[in-house]
Amino acid sequence: MFAIEFQANIQNGFIEIPEEYKQQFQQEKSIKVILLKDEQSPNRDMIAHLLDNPIQVNEFIPIKRDEIYE
C-alpha cells in the first residue's frame, strides 16, 4: 500500500490532490481516503466559556496585590 499525507481544504465537497501526487493516482479507479479534522482544545473552549460566563461566588473577596507576594 502506498500512502501520502497532505493538508487540504474541502470546496463544494471536493478535495483536490496536490499536483505532486496527481500523476501517481490518475489511473486508479478506487482509493482509500481517511479524513482527520483538527479539533479545538477542550481547555481553550472552557476558558472562552468562563470568560463569557464568569462563575459568581457569594462573599468572594479578591486578594490584594500585596497578599499575592507574601
N, C-alpha and C. Protein backbone atom coordinates (compact mmCIF):
# COMPACT_ATOMS: atom_id res chain seq x y z
N MET A 1 0.85 -1.17 0.00
CA MET A 1 0.00 0.00 0.00
C MET A 1 0.90 1.24 0.00
N PHE A 2 0.57 2.20 -0.83
CA PHE A 2 1.28 3.47 -0.91
C PHE A 2 0.44 4.51 -0.18
N ALA A 3 1.03 5.27 0.72
CA ALA A 3 0.29 6.26 1.49
C ALA A 3 0.96 7.62 1.39
N ILE A 4 0.14 8.65 1.35
CA ILE A 4 0.63 10.03 1.39
C ILE A 4 -0.21 10.80 2.40
N GLU A 5 0.32 11.91 2.84
CA GLU A 5 -0.41 12.77 3.77
C GLU A 5 -0.22 14.20 3.30
N PHE A 6 -1.32 14.98 3.29
CA PHE A 6 -1.25 16.38 2.93
C PHE A 6 -2.43 17.13 3.54
N GLN A 7 -2.27 18.43 3.68
CA GLN A 7 -3.34 19.30 4.16
C GLN A 7 -4.15 19.75 2.96
N ALA A 8 -5.46 19.84 3.12
CA ALA A 8 -6.31 20.29 2.02
C ALA A 8 -7.56 20.95 2.57
N ASN A 9 -8.13 21.82 1.76
CA ASN A 9 -9.43 22.41 2.08
C ASN A 9 -10.49 21.70 1.26
N ILE A 10 -11.68 21.59 1.82
CA ILE A 10 -12.79 20.97 1.10
C ILE A 10 -13.59 22.10 0.46
N GLN A 11 -13.78 22.01 -0.85
CA GLN A 11 -14.55 23.02 -1.57
C GLN A 11 -15.67 22.34 -2.34
N ASN A 12 -16.90 22.65 -1.97
CA ASN A 12 -18.08 22.05 -2.61
C ASN A 12 -18.02 20.53 -2.56
N GLY A 13 -17.52 19.98 -1.47
CA GLY A 13 -17.48 18.53 -1.30
C GLY A 13 -16.30 17.84 -1.98
N PHE A 14 -15.39 18.60 -2.55
CA PHE A 14 -14.24 18.02 -3.26
C PHE A 14 -12.94 18.35 -2.55
N ILE A 15 -12.03 17.39 -2.54
CA ILE A 15 -10.68 17.58 -2.02
C ILE A 15 -9.73 17.46 -3.19
N GLU A 16 -8.94 18.49 -3.42
CA GLU A 16 -8.00 18.46 -4.55
C GLU A 16 -6.70 17.80 -4.12
N ILE A 17 -6.25 16.85 -4.93
CA ILE A 17 -4.96 16.19 -4.69
C ILE A 17 -3.87 17.14 -5.17
N PRO A 18 -2.85 17.39 -4.35
CA PRO A 18 -1.76 18.28 -4.77
C PRO A 18 -1.10 17.80 -6.06
N GLU A 19 -0.61 18.74 -6.83
CA GLU A 19 -0.01 18.45 -8.14
C GLU A 19 1.07 17.36 -8.07
N GLU A 20 1.89 17.39 -7.03
CA GLU A 20 3.00 16.42 -6.97
C GLU A 20 2.53 14.98 -6.81
N TYR A 21 1.24 14.76 -6.45
CA TYR A 21 0.73 13.39 -6.28
C TYR A 21 -0.28 12.98 -7.36
N LYS A 22 -0.77 13.92 -8.14
CA LYS A 22 -1.83 13.62 -9.10
C LYS A 22 -1.45 12.53 -10.09
N GLN A 23 -0.25 12.56 -10.60
CA GLN A 23 0.15 11.58 -11.61
C GLN A 23 0.14 10.17 -11.04
N GLN A 24 0.49 10.01 -9.78
CA GLN A 24 0.53 8.68 -9.16
C GLN A 24 -0.87 8.07 -9.01
N PHE A 25 -1.91 8.91 -9.05
CA PHE A 25 -3.26 8.41 -8.82
C PHE A 25 -4.18 8.56 -10.03
N GLN A 26 -3.67 8.99 -11.17
CA GLN A 26 -4.52 9.20 -12.34
C GLN A 26 -5.18 7.92 -12.83
N GLN A 27 -4.48 6.81 -12.81
CA GLN A 27 -5.01 5.56 -13.36
C GLN A 27 -5.83 4.77 -12.35
N GLU A 28 -5.85 5.19 -11.10
CA GLU A 28 -6.56 4.45 -10.06
C GLU A 28 -8.07 4.65 -10.18
N LYS A 29 -8.81 3.57 -10.07
CA LYS A 29 -10.27 3.65 -10.10
C LYS A 29 -10.84 3.78 -8.70
N SER A 30 -10.10 3.28 -7.72
CA SER A 30 -10.58 3.31 -6.34
C SER A 30 -9.40 3.53 -5.41
N ILE A 31 -9.58 4.42 -4.45
CA ILE A 31 -8.55 4.66 -3.44
C ILE A 31 -9.23 4.71 -2.07
N LYS A 32 -8.45 4.56 -1.04
CA LYS A 32 -8.96 4.67 0.33
C LYS A 32 -8.62 6.06 0.85
N VAL A 33 -9.61 6.76 1.40
CA VAL A 33 -9.42 8.11 1.91
C VAL A 33 -9.78 8.13 3.39
N ILE A 34 -8.92 8.71 4.19
CA ILE A 34 -9.19 8.89 5.62
C ILE A 34 -9.15 10.39 5.89
N LEU A 35 -10.21 10.93 6.45
CA LEU A 35 -10.28 12.36 6.76
C LEU A 35 -10.10 12.57 8.25
N LEU A 36 -9.22 13.47 8.63
CA LEU A 36 -9.00 13.82 10.03
C LEU A 36 -9.27 15.30 10.20
N LYS A 37 -10.12 15.63 11.13
CA LYS A 37 -10.49 17.03 11.36
C LYS A 37 -9.77 17.53 12.60
N ASP A 38 -9.09 18.67 12.47
CA ASP A 38 -8.47 19.29 13.64
C ASP A 38 -9.58 19.83 14.53
N GLU A 39 -9.50 19.49 15.81
CA GLU A 39 -10.49 19.98 16.76
C GLU A 39 -9.82 20.92 17.73
N GLN A 40 -10.59 21.90 18.20
CA GLN A 40 -10.05 22.82 19.17
C GLN A 40 -9.83 22.10 20.49
N SER A 41 -8.85 22.57 21.21
CA SER A 41 -8.56 22.01 22.52
C SER A 41 -9.74 22.27 23.45
N PRO A 42 -10.20 21.26 24.20
CA PRO A 42 -11.31 21.48 25.12
C PRO A 42 -10.99 22.53 26.18
N ASN A 43 -9.72 22.66 26.55
CA ASN A 43 -9.34 23.68 27.53
C ASN A 43 -9.58 25.08 26.99
N ARG A 44 -9.28 25.28 25.73
CA ARG A 44 -9.49 26.58 25.12
C ARG A 44 -10.98 26.91 25.10
N ASP A 45 -11.82 25.93 24.82
CA ASP A 45 -13.25 26.15 24.80
C ASP A 45 -13.76 26.48 26.20
N MET A 46 -13.25 25.79 27.22
CA MET A 46 -13.68 26.04 28.59
C MET A 46 -13.28 27.44 29.04
N ILE A 47 -12.08 27.86 28.69
CA ILE A 47 -11.63 29.20 29.06
C ILE A 47 -12.51 30.25 28.40
N ALA A 48 -12.80 30.09 27.13
CA ALA A 48 -13.68 31.03 26.43
C ALA A 48 -15.06 31.06 27.09
N HIS A 49 -15.56 29.89 27.46
CA HIS A 49 -16.87 29.81 28.12
C HIS A 49 -16.84 30.56 29.45
N LEU A 50 -15.79 30.35 30.25
CA LEU A 50 -15.70 31.02 31.55
C LEU A 50 -15.51 32.53 31.41
N LEU A 51 -14.81 32.96 30.38
CA LEU A 51 -14.68 34.40 30.15
C LEU A 51 -16.02 35.02 29.79
N ASP A 52 -16.82 34.30 29.01
CA ASP A 52 -18.14 34.79 28.64
C ASP A 52 -19.15 34.66 29.77
N ASN A 53 -18.96 33.65 30.64
CA ASN A 53 -19.91 33.35 31.71
C ASN A 53 -19.16 33.13 33.02
N PRO A 54 -18.66 34.21 33.64
CA PRO A 54 -17.88 34.01 34.86
C PRO A 54 -18.72 33.38 35.97
N ILE A 55 -18.06 32.58 36.79
CA ILE A 55 -18.73 31.94 37.92
C ILE A 55 -18.87 32.97 39.04
N GLN A 56 -20.09 33.12 39.53
CA GLN A 56 -20.36 34.04 40.62
C GLN A 56 -20.28 33.29 41.95
N VAL A 57 -19.45 33.77 42.86
CA VAL A 57 -19.29 33.14 44.17
C VAL A 57 -19.71 34.15 45.23
N ASN A 58 -20.67 33.75 46.06
CA ASN A 58 -21.13 34.64 47.14
C ASN A 58 -20.00 34.91 48.11
N GLU A 59 -19.94 36.14 48.59
CA GLU A 59 -18.97 36.57 49.59
C GLU A 59 -17.52 36.41 49.12
N PHE A 60 -17.30 36.49 47.82
CA PHE A 60 -15.94 36.39 47.28
C PHE A 60 -15.19 37.69 47.55
N ILE A 61 -13.98 37.59 48.07
CA ILE A 61 -13.13 38.75 48.30
C ILE A 61 -11.83 38.52 47.53
N PRO A 62 -11.59 39.30 46.46
CA PRO A 62 -10.36 39.10 45.70
C PRO A 62 -9.14 39.44 46.55
N ILE A 63 -8.04 38.73 46.34
CA ILE A 63 -6.84 39.01 47.13
C ILE A 63 -6.14 40.25 46.56
N LYS A 64 -5.48 40.94 47.47
CA LYS A 64 -4.79 42.17 47.08
C LYS A 64 -3.42 41.83 46.51
N ARG A 65 -2.90 42.73 45.71
CA ARG A 65 -1.60 42.51 45.08
C ARG A 65 -0.52 42.22 46.12
N ASP A 66 -0.52 42.94 47.21
CA ASP A 66 0.48 42.72 48.27
C ASP A 66 0.37 41.32 48.85
N GLU A 67 -0.83 40.80 48.96
CA GLU A 67 -1.04 39.47 49.55
C GLU A 67 -0.51 38.37 48.63
N ILE A 68 -0.48 38.62 47.35
CA ILE A 68 -0.01 37.61 46.40
C ILE A 68 1.45 37.26 46.68
N TYR A 69 2.25 38.28 47.02
CA TYR A 69 3.69 38.08 47.15
C TYR A 69 4.15 37.84 48.58
N GLU A 70 3.23 37.64 49.50
CA GLU A 70 3.62 37.38 50.89
C GLU A 70 4.10 35.97 51.07
